[in-house]
Amino acid sequence: MYEYTKKEKFSWIRLIVFILVIEFIGSLSAFFAGDIKAIYNHLSLPALSPPTYLFGIVWPILYALIGISGYLIYQQVYPKHIKLIDYSLFLTQLILNFVWSIIFFKVSAYWLGFLIIIVLDLVVLSCIIHFYKNSRLASILMVPYLIWIIFASYLTLNVAILN
């Protein structure tokens, strides 16, 4: 932590806005990706592939955690160059997450999807490492997301191989 790190006053409204914006971005990505459920069910899937209903449970929870993490990073007060790194990492993982489902499901570019998700894994890991210095809770809240996308990387690779 930086010695002059402090937090701005907590705001429920800002926290809720962060969560809702992240949930909206996730929903928008799914919308642009097409009928994900139908596409997923028509793929040759690897072992350990979860049922489609599980995605509808997991992603809203993960997006809420990502939103809370983003708010916690936003709330911190520390040097601008460090804040810029945090914001850049956070925005990059959002963009990669948004693009992945469109590339994978709408475009059916499975190998490109695999490349994107590997980069996403690394960016989320970088978020966790970098956020930990300033907000341990923001960092910890990103861990379930990393675990899920590592699992998604396994699925993506195997779908690319099988299809």
Protein backbone atom coordinates (compact mmCIF):
# COMPACT_ATOMS: atom_id res chain seq x y z
CA MET A 1 0.00 0.00 0.00
CA TYR A 2 1.07 3.54 -0.57
CA GLU A 3 1.68 5.47 2.61
CA TYR A 4 -0.80 8.17 1.62
CA THR A 5 -3.43 5.76 0.35
CA LYS A 6 -6.87 6.59 1.67
CA LYS A 7 -10.38 5.96 0.56
CA GLU A 8 -12.94 8.42 -0.61
CA LYS A 9 -16.24 8.36 1.22
CA PHE A 10 -18.20 5.17 0.52
CA SER A 11 -21.18 5.62 -1.78
CA TRP A 12 -23.86 2.97 -2.18
CA ILE A 13 -25.13 4.74 -5.28
CA ARG A 14 -21.72 4.62 -6.99
CA LEU A 15 -21.26 0.99 -5.99
CA ILE A 16 -24.66 0.04 -7.45
CA VAL A 17 -23.89 2.00 -10.62
CA PHE A 18 -20.58 0.13 -11.01
CA ILE A 19 -22.33 -3.22 -10.61
CA LEU A 20 -25.16 -2.32 -12.99
CA VAL A 21 -22.78 -1.02 -15.66
CA ILE A 22 -20.68 -4.20 -15.53
CA GLU A 23 -23.82 -6.37 -15.62
CA PHE A 24 -25.07 -4.34 -18.61
CA ILE A 25 -21.76 -4.77 -20.45
CA GLY A 26 -21.98 -8.53 -19.89
CA SER A 27 -25.57 -8.62 -21.11
CA LEU A 28 -24.71 -6.52 -24.15
CA SER A 29 -21.89 -8.89 -25.06
CA ALA A 30 -24.25 -11.86 -24.77
CA PHE A 31 -26.81 -10.03 -26.93
CA PHE A 32 -24.25 -9.40 -29.68
CA ALA A 33 -23.01 -13.00 -29.45
CA GLY A 34 -26.37 -14.37 -30.57
CA ASP A 35 -28.21 -17.38 -29.21
CA ILE A 36 -25.37 -18.57 -26.99
CA LYS A 37 -27.40 -21.39 -25.45
CA ALA A 38 -28.31 -22.91 -28.83
CA ILE A 39 -24.80 -22.49 -30.20
CA TYR A 40 -23.25 -24.04 -27.07
CA ASN A 41 -25.64 -27.01 -27.21
CA HIS A 42 -24.70 -27.71 -30.85
CA LEU A 43 -20.96 -27.76 -30.22
CA SER A 44 -18.92 -30.89 -29.67
CA LEU A 45 -18.10 -30.31 -26.02
CA PRO A 46 -15.24 -31.67 -23.91
CA ALA A 47 -15.52 -33.56 -20.66
CA LEU A 48 -16.43 -31.37 -17.68
CA SER A 49 -18.58 -29.05 -19.82
CA PRO A 50 -21.18 -27.50 -17.54
CA PRO A 51 -24.89 -27.43 -18.39
CA THR A 52 -26.06 -24.22 -20.05
CA TYR A 53 -28.14 -23.06 -17.07
CA LEU A 54 -24.98 -22.82 -14.95
CA PHE A 55 -23.64 -19.94 -17.08
CA GLY A 56 -26.77 -17.92 -16.29
CA ILE A 57 -26.05 -18.35 -12.59
CA VAL A 58 -22.28 -17.88 -12.59
CA TRP A 59 -21.86 -14.86 -14.87
CA PRO A 60 -24.19 -12.44 -13.04
CA ILE A 61 -22.39 -13.28 -9.79
CA LEU A 62 -18.98 -12.79 -11.40
CA TYR A 63 -20.05 -9.51 -13.00
CA ALA A 64 -21.27 -8.27 -9.61
CA LEU A 65 -17.90 -9.16 -8.06
CA ILE A 66 -16.07 -7.44 -10.93
CA GLY A 67 -18.26 -4.36 -10.44
CA ILE A 68 -17.54 -4.26 -6.71
CA SER A 69 -13.83 -4.67 -7.40
CA GLY A 70 -13.94 -1.84 -9.91
CA TYR A 71 -15.71 0.41 -7.42
CA LEU A 72 -13.12 -0.36 -4.74
CA ILE A 73 -10.31 0.57 -7.13
CA TYR A 74 -12.16 3.73 -8.14
CA GLN A 75 -12.63 4.63 -4.48
CA GLN A 76 -8.91 4.47 -3.64
CA VAL A 77 -6.85 7.66 -3.61
CA TYR A 78 -3.24 7.21 -4.67
CA PRO A 79 -0.79 8.45 -7.34
CA LYS A 80 -2.31 9.07 -10.75
CA HIS A 81 0.19 6.87 -12.59
CA ILE A 82 -0.76 3.90 -10.38
CA LYS A 83 -4.46 4.65 -10.77
CA LEU A 84 -3.96 4.77 -14.54
CA ILE A 85 -2.46 1.27 -14.48
CA ASP A 86 -5.39 -0.03 -12.39
CA TYR A 87 -7.95 1.58 -14.70
CA SER A 88 -6.14 0.33 -17.81
CA LEU A 89 -6.01 -3.24 -16.53
CA PHE A 90 -9.65 -3.13 -15.45
CA LEU A 91 -10.83 -1.68 -18.77
CA THR A 92 -8.69 -4.13 -20.77
CA GLN A 93 -10.18 -7.16 -19.04
CA LEU A 94 -13.68 -5.77 -19.64
CA ILE A 95 -12.99 -5.28 -23.34
CA LEU A 96 -11.46 -8.76 -23.72
CA ASN A 97 -14.38 -10.31 -21.84
CA PHE A 98 -16.86 -8.41 -24.03
CA VAL A 99 -15.16 -9.39 -27.29
CA TRP A 100 -14.54 -13.04 -26.39
CA SER A 101 -18.16 -14.20 -26.45
CA ILE A 102 -18.82 -12.43 -29.74
CA ILE A 103 -15.71 -13.91 -31.39
CA PHE A 104 -16.35 -17.36 -29.96
CA PHE A 105 -20.12 -17.70 -30.39
CA LYS A 106 -21.17 -15.26 -33.13
CA VAL A 107 -18.10 -15.57 -35.36
CA SER A 108 -17.24 -19.18 -34.39
CA ALA A 109 -13.55 -18.24 -34.43
CA TYR A 110 -12.62 -20.76 -31.75
CA TRP A 111 -8.85 -20.46 -32.05
CA LEU A 112 -8.98 -16.67 -31.97
CA GLY A 113 -11.30 -17.03 -28.99
CA PHE A 114 -8.68 -19.21 -27.32
CA LEU A 115 -6.00 -16.58 -27.90
CA ILE A 116 -8.27 -13.86 -26.50
CA ILE A 117 -9.15 -15.84 -23.40
CA ILE A 118 -5.50 -16.62 -22.67
CA VAL A 119 -4.73 -12.90 -22.83
CA LEU A 120 -7.80 -12.31 -20.63
CA ASP A 121 -6.46 -14.81 -18.09
CA LEU A 122 -3.16 -12.92 -17.96
CA VAL A 123 -4.80 -9.50 -17.68
CA VAL A 124 -7.11 -10.65 -14.87
CA LEU A 125 -4.11 -12.17 -13.08
CA SER A 126 -2.34 -8.82 -13.51
CA CYS A 127 -5.40 -7.07 -12.05
CA ILE A 128 -5.29 -9.34 -9.01
CA ILE A 129 -1.59 -8.74 -8.46
CA HIS A 130 -1.74 -4.99 -9.04
CA PHE A 131 -4.98 -4.36 -7.13
CA TYR A 132 -3.60 -6.23 -4.11
CA LYS A 133 -1.16 -3.40 -3.42
CA ASN A 134 -3.97 -0.89 -2.92
CA SER A 135 -7.14 -2.82 -2.19
CA ARG A 136 -6.80 -6.40 -1.06
CA LEU A 137 -10.57 -6.84 -1.21
CA ALA A 138 -10.69 -5.64 -4.84
CA SER A 139 -7.97 -8.15 -5.62
CA ILE A 140 -9.66 -11.04 -3.80
CA LEU A 141 -12.99 -10.33 -5.51
CA MET A 142 -11.33 -10.94 -8.89
CA VAL A 143 -10.10 -14.43 -7.92
CA PRO A 144 -13.39 -16.30 -8.62
CA TYR A 145 -13.45 -14.61 -12.04
CA LEU A 146 -9.91 -15.81 -12.76
CA ILE A 147 -10.78 -19.35 -11.69
CA TRP A 148 -13.86 -19.36 -13.94
CA ILE A 149 -12.05 -18.00 -16.99
CA ILE A 150 -9.20 -20.46 -16.54
CA PHE A 151 -11.87 -23.17 -16.67
CA ALA A 152 -13.37 -21.38 -19.70
CA SER A 153 -9.91 -21.47 -21.30
CA TYR A 154 -9.92 -25.25 -20.96
CA LEU A 155 -13.38 -25.37 -22.57
CA THR A 156 -12.37 -22.96 -25.33
CA LEU A 157 -9.26 -24.93 -26.23
CA ASN A 158 -11.15 -28.19 -26.34
CA VAL A 159 -14.03 -26.74 -28.37
CA ALA A 160 -11.45 -25.41 -30.84
CA ILE A 161 -9.91 -28.89 -31.08
CA LEU A 162 -13.23 -30.74 -31.31
CA ASN A 163 -14.96 -28.41 -33.75
